[in-house]
Amino acid sequence: MKPKNFFFFLIALTSWMYFQIARADDKQIIVAVIDTGLDAKTLSDPSKLWQNPQETGLDKNGLDRATNGIDDDKNGFIDDVNGYNFASSNNKITDQHGHGTHVTGIIQKHSPNARLMILKYYQPNSPQKNLDNTTLAIRYAVKMGAHIINYSGGGQSPDQKEFLALKEAEAKGILVIAASGNEGYNNDLQGFYPASYKLKNIVSVGSTDGRGQLLSSSNYGERSVDIAAEGENIISNLPGAGSGLGSRKGIMTGTSQAAAFVSGVASRIMEQFKTSNFNEVKEQLLASGAFKSNLSGRIKTSRQIELDRAIASRDSNRDAFDRISPTSYNVFENDFIYKHQ
């Protein structure tokens, strides 16, 4: 190669490398929240609601793609601009229950830059439909490029279709944060799914109080529950401000809240360390947790997730961080489980 041509080649190569680094730095972490939906008005930054790029803007007829009644990206779902409602087979992701809004608020609090993909799957008094909807939601998250799936629910019965969908997520490198359940039993003896599927991309989360003690309601398992996180009396958003609840905030307790916290922390790790490799993120989550002797024999790592520890430098030897005490607030309701059967 002539010196002049080589000079221009170096310039082009340097520019390409700079673009790649900049693109990695600007990467948006997408967290798919499979739950009861979301009251989007409760988000501290509504712009962080994930948008399907091919369902936004104007179509060839000058109509808004978000509302034109056309499957613009041909993914099988019409007007799925922020996610999809699998319970009603439409794009209305509004939360009538509150659980999904509460969980999503926790994720956004701990990962303000995450893009939130809302996948509503819950249908009251319809366990099998909920399970089918879960499978559809997981596959949607895989297809549409989620980096993390938060699943704050589950049940005691495994399902082959659900397992295969999660295996697809594993193959695509998607991290799945799953609540271990609120039955207070040993998941080593009686599984809780999807948390108990033996897939490398799943992190099963138990729930602790503000002192790091495992809640009596939290499922546990020395071999089956990976990590614990604070999940008692967690304040977060509720839907329907001004509609009789009297507040946009409320308390819920359970592994759902703990899992949401871990999803937020995982998103922060991806953002900070510029990685979406679920093995790296899972390793950072589990290794950085604070050791709690009372969790030994009940949680696989004997550790509890703490945000500052998790996002500290990988080379850091810091072993202690200040903790914020829980704030007293009016109780809304306890967490609940969506049972498969």
C-alpha atoms as a PDB file:
ATOM      1  CA  MET A   1       0.000   0.000   0.000  1.00  0.00           C
ATOM      2  CA  LYS A   2       1.349   3.433  -0.933  1.00  0.00           C
ATOM      3  CA  PRO A   3       2.210   5.747   2.019  1.00  0.00           C
ATOM      4  CA  LYS A   4      -0.485   8.242   1.001  1.00  0.00           C
ATOM      5  CA  ASN A   5      -3.150   5.537   0.769  1.00  0.00           C
ATOM      6  CA  PHE A   6      -2.005   4.027   4.045  1.00  0.00           C
ATOM      7  CA  PHE A   7      -2.326   7.452   5.709  1.00  0.00           C
ATOM      8  CA  PHE A   8      -5.943   7.769   4.571  1.00  0.00           C
ATOM      9  CA  PHE A   9      -6.583   4.163   5.604  1.00  0.00           C
ATOM     10  CA  LEU A  10      -5.373   4.965   9.137  1.00  0.00           C
ATOM     11  CA  ILE A  11      -7.634   8.011   9.284  1.00  0.00           C
ATOM     12  CA  ALA A  12     -10.633   5.949   8.168  1.00  0.00           C
ATOM     13  CA  LEU A  13      -9.814   3.170  10.620  1.00  0.00           C
ATOM     14  CA  THR A  14      -9.405   5.629  13.500  1.00  0.00           C
ATOM     15  CA  SER A  15     -12.714   7.292  12.660  1.00  0.00           C
ATOM     16  CA  TRP A  16     -14.475   3.928  12.509  1.00  0.00           C
ATOM     17  CA  MET A  17     -13.011   2.869  15.887  1.00  0.00           C
ATOM     18  CA  TYR A  18     -14.016   6.189  17.446  1.00  0.00           C
ATOM     19  CA  PHE A  19     -17.568   5.756  16.142  1.00  0.00           C
ATOM     20  CA  GLN A  20     -17.767   2.228  17.535  1.00  0.00           C
ATOM     21  CA  ILE A  21     -16.571   3.380  20.963  1.00  0.00           C
ATOM     22  CA  ALA A  22     -18.986   6.321  20.965  1.00  0.00           C
ATOM     23  CA  ARG A  23     -21.841   4.050  19.932  1.00  0.00           C
ATOM     24  CA  ALA A  24     -21.014   1.662  22.792  1.00  0.00           C
ATOM     25  CA  ASP A  25     -20.909   4.576  25.233  1.00  0.00           C
ATOM     26  CA  ASP A  26     -24.334   5.737  24.063  1.00  0.00           C
ATOM     27  CA  LYS A  27     -25.881   2.274  24.189  1.00  0.00           C
ATOM     28  CA  GLN A  28     -29.345   2.271  25.673  1.00  0.00           C
ATOM     29  CA  ILE A  29     -30.028  -0.600  28.028  1.00  0.00           C
ATOM     30  CA  ILE A  30     -33.501  -2.005  27.395  1.00  0.00           C
ATOM     31  CA  VAL A  31     -35.277  -3.610  30.353  1.00  0.00           C
ATOM     32  CA  ALA A  32     -38.389  -5.600  29.478  1.00  0.00           C
ATOM     33  CA  VAL A  33     -40.848  -5.573  32.394  1.00  0.00           C
ATOM     34  CA  ILE A  34     -43.264  -8.504  32.158  1.00  0.00           C
ATOM     35  CA  ASP A  35     -46.028  -7.575  34.592  1.00  0.00           C
ATOM     36  CA  THR A  36     -49.464  -5.945  34.910  1.00  0.00           C
ATOM     37  CA  GLY A  37     -48.605  -2.954  32.727  1.00  0.00           C
ATOM     38  CA  LEU A  38     -47.683   0.621  33.591  1.00  0.00           C
ATOM     39  CA  ASP A  39     -49.242   3.984  34.294  1.00  0.00           C
ATOM     40  CA  ALA A  40     -46.714   5.905  32.182  1.00  0.00           C
ATOM     41  CA  LYS A  41     -47.628   9.191  33.895  1.00  0.00           C
ATOM     42  CA  THR A  42     -45.856   7.978  37.021  1.00  0.00           C
ATOM     43  CA  LEU A  43     -42.430   7.761  35.390  1.00  0.00           C
ATOM     44  CA  SER A  44     -39.927  10.313  36.639  1.00  0.00           C
ATOM     45  CA  ASP A  45     -38.693  10.650  33.061  1.00  0.00           C
ATOM     46  CA  PRO A  46     -41.327   9.539  30.511  1.00  0.00           C
ATOM     47  CA  SER A  47     -38.735   9.746  27.714  1.00  0.00           C
ATOM     48  CA  LYS A  48     -37.170   6.591  29.139  1.00  0.00           C
ATOM     49  CA  LEU A  49     -40.175   4.549  28.077  1.00  0.00           C
ATOM     50  CA  TRP A  50     -38.877   2.300  25.313  1.00  0.00           C
ATOM     51  CA  GLN A  51     -40.042   3.175  21.818  1.00  0.00           C
ATOM     52  CA  ASN A  52     -40.175   0.765  18.906  1.00  0.00           C
ATOM     53  CA  PRO A  53     -38.320   2.795  16.261  1.00  0.00           C
ATOM     54  CA  GLN A  54     -40.356   1.336  13.402  1.00  0.00           C
ATOM     55  CA  GLU A  55     -43.661   2.178  15.090  1.00  0.00           C
ATOM     56  CA  THR A  56     -42.862   5.865  15.605  1.00  0.00           C
ATOM     57  CA  GLY A  57     -42.918   8.812  13.215  1.00  0.00           C
ATOM     58  CA  LEU A  58     -45.073   9.095  10.118  1.00  0.00           C
ATOM     59  CA  ASP A  59     -45.834   6.358   7.614  1.00  0.00           C
ATOM     60  CA  LYS A  60     -45.906   6.802   3.819  1.00  0.00           C
ATOM     61  CA  ASN A  61     -49.442   8.203   4.075  1.00  0.00           C
ATOM     62  CA  GLY A  62     -48.463  10.800   6.652  1.00  0.00           C
ATOM     63  CA  LEU A  63     -50.176   8.939   9.511  1.00  0.00           C
ATOM     64  CA  ASP A  64     -48.645   8.432  12.939  1.00  0.00           C
ATOM     65  CA  ARG A  65     -47.201   4.925  12.988  1.00  0.00           C
ATOM     66  CA  ALA A  66     -48.000   4.625  16.696  1.00  0.00           C
ATOM     67  CA  THR A  67     -51.740   4.815  16.012  1.00  0.00           C
ATOM     68  CA  ASN A  68     -52.244   3.969  12.323  1.00  0.00           C
ATOM     69  CA  GLY A  69     -53.542   0.451  13.015  1.00  0.00           C
ATOM     70  CA  ILE A  70     -50.803  -1.081  10.865  1.00  0.00           C
ATOM     71  CA  ASP A  71     -48.064  -3.530  11.793  1.00  0.00           C
ATOM     72  CA  ASP A  72     -45.386  -1.236  10.358  1.00  0.00           C
ATOM     73  CA  ASP A  73     -42.406  -3.377  11.358  1.00  0.00           C
ATOM     74  CA  LYS A  74     -44.225  -6.640  10.498  1.00  0.00           C
ATOM     75  CA  ASN A  75     -43.336  -8.275  13.814  1.00  0.00           C
ATOM     76  CA  GLY A  76     -46.877  -9.571  14.301  1.00  0.00           C
ATOM     77  CA  PHE A  77     -48.043  -6.805  16.668  1.00  0.00           C
ATOM     78  CA  ILE A  78     -49.933  -3.675  15.657  1.00  0.00           C
ATOM     79  CA  ASP A  79     -48.858  -0.267  16.987  1.00  0.00           C
ATOM     80  CA  ASP A  80     -46.575  -1.785  19.638  1.00  0.00           C
ATOM     81  CA  VAL A  81     -44.801   1.490  20.214  1.00  0.00           C
ATOM     82  CA  ASN A  82     -43.917   1.018  23.924  1.00  0.00           C
ATOM     83  CA  GLY A  83     -44.443  -2.718  24.272  1.00  0.00           C
ATOM     84  CA  TYR A  84     -47.583  -4.844  24.103  1.00  0.00           C
ATOM     85  CA  ASN A  85     -50.590  -6.018  26.075  1.00  0.00           C
ATOM     86  CA  PHE A  86     -50.678  -9.788  25.630  1.00  0.00           C
ATOM     87  CA  ALA A  87     -53.601 -10.121  28.038  1.00  0.00           C
ATOM     88  CA  SER A  88     -55.878  -8.179  25.699  1.00  0.00           C
ATOM     89  CA  SER A  89     -53.981  -8.544  22.406  1.00  0.00           C
ATOM     90  CA  ASN A  90     -53.536  -4.823  21.846  1.00  0.00           C
ATOM     91  CA  ASN A  91     -51.020  -2.040  22.466  1.00  0.00           C
ATOM     92  CA  LYS A  92     -52.746  -0.624  25.575  1.00  0.00           C
ATOM     93  CA  ILE A  93     -50.176  -1.172  28.343  1.00  0.00           C
ATOM     94  CA  THR A  94     -52.100   0.736  31.042  1.00  0.00           C
ATOM     95  CA  ASP A  95     -51.904  -0.791  34.531  1.00  0.00           C
ATOM     96  CA  GLN A  96     -55.219  -1.291  36.342  1.00  0.00           C
ATOM     97  CA  HIS A  97     -53.716  -3.256  39.213  1.00  0.00           C
ATOM     98  CA  GLY A  98     -50.635  -1.401  40.435  1.00  0.00           C
ATOM     99  CA  HIS A  99     -48.041  -4.157  40.695  1.00  0.00           C
ATOM    100  CA  GLY A 100     -46.419  -3.434  37.337  1.00  0.00           C
ATOM    101  CA  THR A 101     -46.275   0.311  37.968  1.00  0.00           C
ATOM    102  CA  HIS A 102     -44.698  -0.277  41.387  1.00  0.00           C
ATOM    103  CA  VAL A 103     -42.078  -2.665  39.990  1.00  0.00           C
ATOM    104  CA  THR A 104     -41.265  -0.402  37.026  1.00  0.00           C
ATOM    105  CA  GLY A 105     -40.807   2.568  39.348  1.00  0.00           C
ATOM    106  CA  ILE A 106     -38.204   0.642  41.347  1.00  0.00           C
ATOM    107  CA  ILE A 107     -36.267  -0.243  38.199  1.00  0.00           C
ATOM    108  CA  GLN A 108     -36.269   3.349  36.997  1.00  0.00           C
ATOM    109  CA  LYS A 109     -35.215   4.660  40.395  1.00  0.00           C
ATOM    110  CA  HIS A 110     -32.071   2.540  40.381  1.00  0.00           C
ATOM    111  CA  SER A 111     -31.369   2.817  36.643  1.00  0.00           C
ATOM    112  CA  PRO A 112     -32.636   6.221  35.466  1.00  0.00           C
ATOM    113  CA  ASN A 113     -31.219   5.807  31.959  1.00  0.00           C
ATOM    114  CA  ALA A 114     -32.724   2.402  31.212  1.00  0.00           C
ATOM    115  CA  ARG A 115     -35.322   2.144  28.434  1.00  0.00           C
ATOM    116  CA  LEU A 116     -38.420   0.406  29.800  1.00  0.00           C
ATOM    117  CA  MET A 117     -40.208  -2.036  27.497  1.00  0.00           C
ATOM    118  CA  ILE A 118     -43.646  -2.739  28.995  1.00  0.00           C
ATOM    119  CA  LEU A 119     -45.108  -6.198  28.385  1.00  0.00           C
ATOM    120  CA  LYS A 120     -48.465  -6.756  30.038  1.00  0.00           C
ATOM    121  CA  TYR A 121     -49.323 -10.401  30.524  1.00  0.00           C
ATOM    122  CA  TYR A 122     -51.592 -10.623  33.563  1.00  0.00           C
ATOM    123  CA  GLN A 123     -55.260 -11.548  33.294  1.00  0.00           C
ATOM    124  CA  PRO A 124     -57.113 -11.981  36.640  1.00  0.00           C
ATOM    125  CA  ASN A 125     -58.389 -15.505  37.358  1.00  0.00           C
ATOM    126  CA  SER A 126     -56.864 -16.977  34.206  1.00  0.00           C
ATOM    127  CA  PRO A 127     -53.696 -18.917  35.190  1.00  0.00           C
ATOM    128  CA  GLN A 128     -53.174 -20.762  31.919  1.00  0.00           C
ATOM    129  CA  LYS A 129     -53.686 -17.624  29.848  1.00  0.00           C
ATOM    130  CA  ASN A 130     -51.179 -15.830  32.072  1.00  0.00           C
ATOM    131  CA  LEU A 131     -48.641 -18.565  31.420  1.00  0.00           C
ATOM    132  CA  ASP A 132     -49.246 -18.472  27.663  1.00  0.00           C
ATOM    133  CA  ASN A 133     -48.965 -14.684  27.720  1.00  0.00           C
ATOM    134  CA  THR A 134     -45.691 -14.955  29.633  1.00  0.00           C
ATOM    135  CA  THR A 135     -44.215 -17.095  26.871  1.00  0.00           C
ATOM    136  CA  LEU A 136     -45.373 -14.611  24.222  1.00  0.00           C
ATOM    137  CA  ALA A 137     -43.925 -11.703  26.209  1.00  0.00           C
ATOM    138  CA  ILE A 138     -40.549 -13.398  26.613  1.00  0.00           C
ATOM    139  CA  ARG A 139     -40.353 -14.109  22.894  1.00  0.00           C
ATOM    140  CA  TYR A 140     -41.304 -10.520  22.126  1.00  0.00           C
ATOM    141  CA  ALA A 141     -38.518  -9.239  24.412  1.00  0.00           C
ATOM    142  CA  VAL A 142     -36.053 -11.520  22.625  1.00  0.00           C
ATOM    143  CA  LYS A 143     -37.219 -10.420  19.171  1.00  0.00           C
ATOM    144  CA  MET A 144     -37.215  -6.709  19.980  1.00  0.00           C
ATOM    145  CA  GLY A 145     -33.748  -6.513  21.512  1.00  0.00           C
ATOM    146  CA  ALA A 146     -34.182  -6.379  25.296  1.00  0.00           C
ATOM    147  CA  HIS A 147     -30.994  -6.728  27.338  1.00  0.00           C
ATOM    148  CA  ILE A 148     -32.714  -7.590  30.629  1.00  0.00           C
ATOM    149  CA  ILE A 149     -36.058  -9.212  31.399  1.00  0.00           C
ATOM    150  CA  ASN A 150     -37.611  -8.533  34.799  1.00  0.00           C
ATOM    151  CA  TYR A 151     -40.145 -11.151  35.865  1.00  0.00           C
ATOM    152  CA  SER A 152     -41.655 -10.437  39.283  1.00  0.00           C
ATOM    153  CA  GLY A 153     -44.025 -13.376  39.439  1.00  0.00           C
ATOM    154  CA  GLY A 154     -44.222 -17.090  38.833  1.00  0.00           C
ATOM    155  CA  GLY A 155     -45.640 -20.329  40.117  1.00  0.00           C
ATOM    156  CA  GLN A 156     -44.788 -23.834  41.309  1.00  0.00           C
ATOM    157  CA  SER A 157     -45.324 -25.620  37.998  1.00  0.00           C
ATOM    158  CA  PRO A 158     -42.711 -25.562  35.218  1.00  0.00           C
ATOM    159  CA  ASP A 159     -43.845 -25.217  31.630  1.00  0.00           C
ATOM    160  CA  GLN A 160     -42.014 -26.433  28.543  1.00  0.00           C
ATOM    161  CA  LYS A 161     -43.035 -23.512  26.322  1.00  0.00           C
ATOM    162  CA  GLU A 162     -41.930 -20.986  28.922  1.00  0.00           C
ATOM    163  CA  PHE A 163     -38.641 -22.835  29.392  1.00  0.00           C
ATOM    164  CA  LEU A 164     -37.936 -22.874  25.645  1.00  0.00           C
ATOM    165  CA  ALA A 165     -38.695 -19.147  25.378  1.00  0.00           C
ATOM    166  CA  LEU A 166     -36.232 -18.459  28.184  1.00  0.00           C
ATOM    167  CA  LYS A 167     -33.703 -20.716  26.488  1.00  0.00           C
ATOM    168  CA  GLU A 168     -34.071 -18.503  23.416  1.00  0.00           C
ATOM    169  CA  ALA A 169     -33.352 -15.528  25.671  1.00  0.00           C
ATOM    170  CA  GLU A 170     -30.238 -17.304  26.939  1.00  0.00           C
ATOM    171  CA  ALA A 171     -29.066 -17.948  23.365  1.00  0.00           C
ATOM    172  CA  LYS A 172     -29.539 -14.232  22.596  1.00  0.00           C
ATOM    173  CA  GLY A 173     -27.548 -13.197  25.679  1.00  0.00           C
ATOM    174  CA  ILE A 174     -30.465 -11.731  27.629  1.00  0.00           C
ATOM    175  CA  LEU A 175     -30.238 -11.615  31.427  1.00  0.00           C
ATOM    176  CA  VAL A 176     -33.423 -12.666  33.256  1.00  0.00           C
ATOM    177  CA  ILE A 177     -34.038 -11.427  36.798  1.00  0.00           C
ATOM    178  CA  ALA A 178     -36.737 -13.549  38.460  1.00  0.00           C
ATOM    179  CA  ALA A 179     -38.449 -13.371  41.840  1.00  0.00           C
ATOM    180  CA  SER A 180     -37.931 -16.510  43.936  1.00  0.00           C
ATOM    181  CA  GLY A 181     -41.502 -16.349  45.298  1.00  0.00           C
ATOM    182  CA  ASN A 182     -43.277 -15.369  48.521  1.00  0.00           C
ATOM    183  CA  GLU A 183     -44.368 -18.727  49.908  1.00  0.00           C
ATOM    184  CA  GLY A 184     -41.600 -18.926  52.518  1.00  0.00           C
ATOM    185  CA  TYR A 185     -40.476 -22.352  51.338  1.00  0.00           C
ATOM    186  CA  ASN A 186     -37.299 -24.001  50.112  1.00  0.00           C
ATOM    187  CA  ASN A 187     -36.997 -23.826  46.327  1.00  0.00           C
ATOM    188  CA  ASP A 188     -34.415 -26.607  46.482  1.00  0.00           C
ATOM    189  CA  LEU A 189     -37.279 -28.936  47.361  1.00  0.00           C
ATOM    190  CA  GLN A 190     -40.158 -27.339  45.452  1.00  0.00           C
ATOM    191  CA  GLY A 191     -39.222 -25.153  42.508  1.00  0.00           C
ATOM    192  CA  PHE A 192     -40.695 -21.761  41.708  1.00  0.00           C
ATOM    193  CA  TYR A 193     -40.745 -20.876  38.010  1.00  0.00           C
ATOM    194  CA  PRO A 194     -39.295 -19.178  36.057  1.00  0.00           C
ATOM    195  CA  ALA A 195     -36.749 -18.496  38.835  1.00  0.00           C
ATOM    196  CA  SER A 196     -35.955 -22.221  39.241  1.00  0.00           C
ATOM    197  CA  TYR A 197     -35.248 -23.099  35.614  1.00  0.00           C
ATOM    198  CA  LYS A 198     -31.633 -24.239  35.353  1.00  0.00           C
ATOM    199  CA  LEU A 199     -30.515 -21.719  32.765  1.00  0.00           C
ATOM    200  CA  LYS A 200     -27.303 -19.699  32.976  1.00  0.00           C
ATOM    201  CA  ASN A 201     -28.992 -16.381  32.220  1.00  0.00           C
ATOM    202  CA  ILE A 202     -31.454 -16.501  35.144  1.00  0.00           C
ATOM    203  CA  VAL A 203     -30.799 -14.786  38.466  1.00  0.00           C
ATOM    204  CA  SER A 204     -33.180 -15.946  41.212  1.00  0.00           C
ATOM    205  CA  VAL A 205     -33.761 -13.298  43.874  1.00  0.00           C
ATOM    206  CA  GLY A 206     -34.843 -13.655  47.501  1.00  0.00           C
ATOM    207  CA  SER A 207     -36.069 -10.797  49.682  1.00  0.00           C
ATOM    208  CA  THR A 208     -34.608  -9.235  52.841  1.00  0.00           C
ATOM    209  CA  ASP A 209     -35.540  -6.523  55.297  1.00  0.00           C
ATOM    210  CA  GLY A 210     -33.572  -3.319  55.929  1.00  0.00           C
ATOM    211  CA  ARG A 211     -31.149  -5.177  58.214  1.00  0.00           C
ATOM    212  CA  GLY A 212     -30.320  -7.858  55.681  1.00  0.00           C
ATOM    213  CA  GLN A 213     -32.465 -10.541  57.324  1.00  0.00           C
ATOM    214  CA  LEU A 214     -34.283 -12.873  54.950  1.00  0.00           C
ATOM    215  CA  LEU A 215     -38.016 -12.211  55.098  1.00  0.00           C
ATOM    216  CA  SER A 216     -40.066 -15.087  56.499  1.00  0.00           C
ATOM    217  CA  SER A 217     -42.269 -14.823  53.394  1.00  0.00           C
ATOM    218  CA  SER A 218     -39.351 -15.103  50.966  1.00  0.00           C
ATOM    219  CA  ASN A 219     -38.597 -18.378  49.248  1.00  0.00           C
ATOM    220  CA  TYR A 220     -35.005 -19.481  49.715  1.00  0.00           C
ATOM    221  CA  GLY A 221     -32.661 -22.212  48.564  1.00  0.00           C
ATOM    222  CA  GLU A 222     -28.980 -22.908  49.124  1.00  0.00           C
ATOM    223  CA  ARG A 223     -28.749 -24.342  45.615  1.00  0.00           C
ATOM    224  CA  SER A 224     -31.579 -22.546  43.820  1.00  0.00           C
ATOM    225  CA  VAL A 225     -31.779 -18.886  44.953  1.00  0.00           C
ATOM    226  CA  ASP A 226     -28.761 -16.917  43.752  1.00  0.00           C
ATOM    227  CA  ILE A 227     -28.859 -13.666  45.674  1.00  0.00           C
ATOM    228  CA  ALA A 228     -31.008 -11.588  48.014  1.00  0.00           C
ATOM    229  CA  ALA A 229     -32.058  -7.940  47.832  1.00  0.00           C
ATOM    230  CA  GLU A 230     -34.042  -5.607  50.034  1.00  0.00           C
ATOM    231  CA  GLY A 231     -37.750  -6.042  49.425  1.00  0.00           C
ATOM    232  CA  GLU A 232     -39.567  -5.007  52.603  1.00  0.00           C
ATOM    233  CA  ASN A 233     -41.804  -1.917  52.686  1.00  0.00           C
ATOM    234  CA  ILE A 234     -40.484  -0.567  49.411  1.00  0.00           C
ATOM    235  CA  ILE A 235     -41.900   2.797  48.347  1.00  0.00           C
ATOM    236  CA  SER A 236     -42.608   3.198  44.651  1.00  0.00           C
ATOM    237  CA  ASN A 237     -45.154   4.484  42.159  1.00  0.00           C
ATOM    238  CA  LEU A 238     -48.823   3.552  42.004  1.00  0.00           C
ATOM    239  CA  PRO A 239     -51.197   4.240  39.115  1.00  0.00           C
ATOM    240  CA  GLY A 240     -54.211   6.525  39.126  1.00  0.00           C
ATOM    241  CA  ALA A 241     -53.042   9.653  40.922  1.00  0.00           C
ATOM    242  CA  GLY A 242     -56.084  11.566  42.110  1.00  0.00           C
ATOM    243  CA  SER A 243     -58.460   8.682  41.476  1.00  0.00           C
ATOM    244  CA  GLY A 244     -59.049   7.814  45.131  1.00  0.00           C
ATOM    245  CA  LEU A 245     -55.689   6.365  46.150  1.00  0.00           C
ATOM    246  CA  GLY A 246     -54.722   9.781  47.466  1.00  0.00           C
ATOM    247  CA  SER A 247     -51.111   9.420  46.410  1.00  0.00           C
ATOM    248  CA  ARG A 248     -48.877   8.342  43.581  1.00  0.00           C
ATOM    249  CA  LYS A 249     -46.725   6.369  46.016  1.00  0.00           C
ATOM    250  CA  GLY A 250     -47.286   3.280  48.104  1.00  0.00           C
ATOM    251  CA  ILE A 251     -45.561   0.379  49.797  1.00  0.00           C
ATOM    252  CA  MET A 252     -45.270  -3.215  48.661  1.00  0.00           C
ATOM    253  CA  THR A 253     -43.235  -6.032  50.168  1.00  0.00           C
ATOM    254  CA  GLY A 254     -41.880  -9.149  48.517  1.00  0.00           C
ATOM    255  CA  THR A 255     -39.484 -10.793  46.119  1.00  0.00           C
ATOM    256  CA  SER A 256     -41.104  -8.842  43.277  1.00  0.00           C
ATOM    257  CA  GLN A 257     -39.675  -5.650  44.710  1.00  0.00           C
ATOM    258  CA  ALA A 258     -36.316  -7.314  45.387  1.00  0.00           C
ATOM    259  CA  ALA A 259     -36.132  -8.584  41.795  1.00  0.00           C
ATOM    260  CA  ALA A 260     -36.960  -5.124  40.425  1.00  0.00           C
ATOM    261  CA  PHE A 261     -34.129  -3.666  42.491  1.00  0.00           C
ATOM    262  CA  VAL A 262     -31.705  -6.237  41.057  1.00  0.00           C
ATOM    263  CA  SER A 263     -32.895  -5.492  37.499  1.00  0.00           C
ATOM    264  CA  GLY A 264     -32.167  -1.816  38.074  1.00  0.00           C
ATOM    265  CA  VAL A 265     -28.704  -2.630  39.416  1.00  0.00           C
ATOM    266  CA  ALA A 266     -27.980  -5.010  36.516  1.00  0.00           C
ATOM    267  CA  SER A 267     -28.922  -2.261  34.071  1.00  0.00           C
ATOM    268  CA  ARG A 268     -26.550   0.130  35.829  1.00  0.00           C
ATOM    269  CA  ILE A 269     -23.746  -2.428  35.587  1.00  0.00           C
ATOM    270  CA  MET A 270     -24.347  -2.799  31.847  1.00  0.00           C
ATOM    271  CA  GLU A 271     -24.345   0.961  31.454  1.00  0.00           C
ATOM    272  CA  GLN A 272     -21.255   1.592  33.566  1.00  0.00           C
ATOM    273  CA  PHE A 273     -19.079  -1.232  32.284  1.00  0.00           C
ATOM    274  CA  LYS A 274     -20.284  -0.935  28.669  1.00  0.00           C
ATOM    275  CA  THR A 275     -21.261  -4.577  28.462  1.00  0.00           C
ATOM    276  CA  SER A 276     -24.422  -6.533  27.794  1.00  0.00           C
ATOM    277  CA  ASN A 277     -22.754  -9.916  28.277  1.00  0.00           C
ATOM    278  CA  PHE A 278     -25.086 -11.597  30.749  1.00  0.00           C
ATOM    279  CA  ASN A 279     -22.294 -13.788  32.136  1.00  0.00           C
ATOM    280  CA  GLU A 280     -20.202 -10.730  33.037  1.00  0.00           C
ATOM    281  CA  VAL A 281     -23.161  -8.881  34.523  1.00  0.00           C
ATOM    282  CA  LYS A 282     -24.347 -11.899  36.517  1.00  0.00           C
ATOM    283  CA  GLU A 283     -20.832 -12.450  37.858  1.00  0.00           C
ATOM    284  CA  GLN A 284     -20.605  -8.804  38.916  1.00  0.00           C
ATOM    285  CA  LEU A 285     -24.019  -8.967  40.590  1.00  0.00           C
ATOM    286  CA  LEU A 286     -23.266 -12.111  42.571  1.00  0.00           C
ATOM    287  CA  ALA A 287     -19.637 -11.386  43.471  1.00  0.00           C
ATOM    288  CA  SER A 288     -20.214  -7.790  44.588  1.00  0.00           C
ATOM    289  CA  GLY A 289     -23.030  -8.532  47.029  1.00  0.00           C
ATOM    290  CA  ALA A 290     -22.460  -7.904  50.724  1.00  0.00           C
ATOM    291  CA  PHE A 291     -21.885 -11.133  52.655  1.00  0.00           C
ATOM    292  CA  LYS A 292     -24.568 -11.788  55.285  1.00  0.00           C
ATOM    293  CA  SER A 293     -23.922 -14.667  57.669  1.00  0.00           C
ATOM    294  CA  ASN A 294     -27.659 -15.117  58.273  1.00  0.00           C
ATOM    295  CA  LEU A 295     -28.097 -15.911  54.563  1.00  0.00           C
ATOM    296  CA  SER A 296     -25.670 -18.823  54.691  1.00  0.00           C
ATOM    297  CA  GLY A 297     -27.435 -22.098  53.964  1.00  0.00           C
ATOM    298  CA  ARG A 298     -30.435 -20.227  52.567  1.00  0.00           C
ATOM    299  CA  ILE A 299     -29.046 -18.213  49.636  1.00  0.00           C
ATOM    300  CA  LYS A 300     -26.493 -19.683  47.218  1.00  0.00           C
ATOM    301  CA  THR A 301     -24.021 -16.798  47.508  1.00  0.00           C
ATOM    302  CA  SER A 302     -24.924 -15.815  51.105  1.00  0.00           C
ATOM    303  CA  ARG A 303     -24.949 -12.270  49.736  1.00  0.00           C
ATOM    304  CA  GLN A 304     -27.292  -9.312  49.410  1.00  0.00           C
ATOM    305  CA  ILE A 305     -27.202  -6.901  46.486  1.00  0.00           C
ATOM    306  CA  GLU A 306     -26.291  -3.304  47.316  1.00  0.00           C
ATOM    307  CA  LEU A 307     -26.181  -0.732  44.533  1.00  0.00           C
ATOM    308  CA  ASP A 308     -22.942   1.040  45.492  1.00  0.00           C
ATOM    309  CA  ARG A 309     -21.058  -2.210  45.837  1.00  0.00           C
ATOM    310  CA  ALA A 310     -22.399  -3.583  42.562  1.00  0.00           C
ATOM    311  CA  ILE A 311     -21.363  -0.606  40.441  1.00  0.00           C
ATOM    312  CA  ALA A 312     -18.027  -0.007  42.186  1.00  0.00           C
ATOM    313  CA  SER A 313     -14.914  -0.626  40.140  1.00  0.00           C
ATOM    314  CA  ARG A 314     -14.280  -4.276  39.415  1.00  0.00           C
ATOM    315  CA  ASP A 315     -10.777  -3.791  40.821  1.00  0.00           C
ATOM    316  CA  SER A 316     -12.047  -2.236  44.034  1.00  0.00           C
ATOM    317  CA  ASN A 317     -11.516  -3.943  47.389  1.00  0.00           C
ATOM    318  CA  ARG A 318     -14.157  -1.857  49.118  1.00  0.00           C
ATOM    319  CA  ASP A 319     -16.198  -4.048  51.404  1.00  0.00           C
ATOM    320  CA  ALA A 320     -18.637  -1.700  53.131  1.00  0.00           C
ATOM    321  CA  PHE A 321     -20.983   1.070  52.071  1.00  0.00           C
ATOM    322  CA  ASP A 322     -23.412   3.275  53.926  1.00  0.00           C
ATOM    323  CA  ARG A 323     -27.018   2.124  53.734  1.00  0.00           C
ATOM    324  CA  ILE A 324     -30.135   4.270  53.626  1.00  0.00           C
ATOM    325  CA  SER A 325     -32.745   3.263  56.170  1.00  0.00           C
ATOM    326  CA  PRO A 326     -36.269   2.520  54.880  1.00  0.00           C
ATOM    327  CA  THR A 327     -38.738   5.371  55.217  1.00  0.00           C
ATOM    328  CA  SER A 328     -42.081   4.913  56.936  1.00  0.00           C
ATOM    329  CA  TYR A 329     -45.069   5.331  54.649  1.00  0.00           C
ATOM    330  CA  ASN A 330     -48.711   4.417  54.306  1.00  0.00           C
ATOM    331  CA  VAL A 331     -49.133   0.773  53.377  1.00  0.00           C
ATOM    332  CA  PHE A 332     -50.882   0.099  50.077  1.00  0.00           C
ATOM    333  CA  GLU A 333     -50.784  -3.673  49.859  1.00  0.00           C
ATOM    334  CA  ASN A 334     -48.380  -6.564  50.052  1.00  0.00           C
ATOM    335  CA  ASP A 335     -46.787  -8.086  47.013  1.00  0.00           C
ATOM    336  CA  PHE A 336     -48.607 -10.943  45.363  1.00  0.00           C
ATOM    337  CA  ILE A 337     -47.795 -13.915  43.181  1.00  0.00           C
ATOM    338  CA  TYR A 338     -49.195 -14.684  39.759  1.00  0.00           C
ATOM    339  CA  LYS A 339     -49.655 -18.439  40.017  1.00  0.00           C
ATOM    340  CA  HIS A 340     -49.318 -20.480  36.875  1.00  0.00           C
ATOM    341  CA  GLN A 341     -51.635 -23.183  38.165  1.00  0.00           C
END
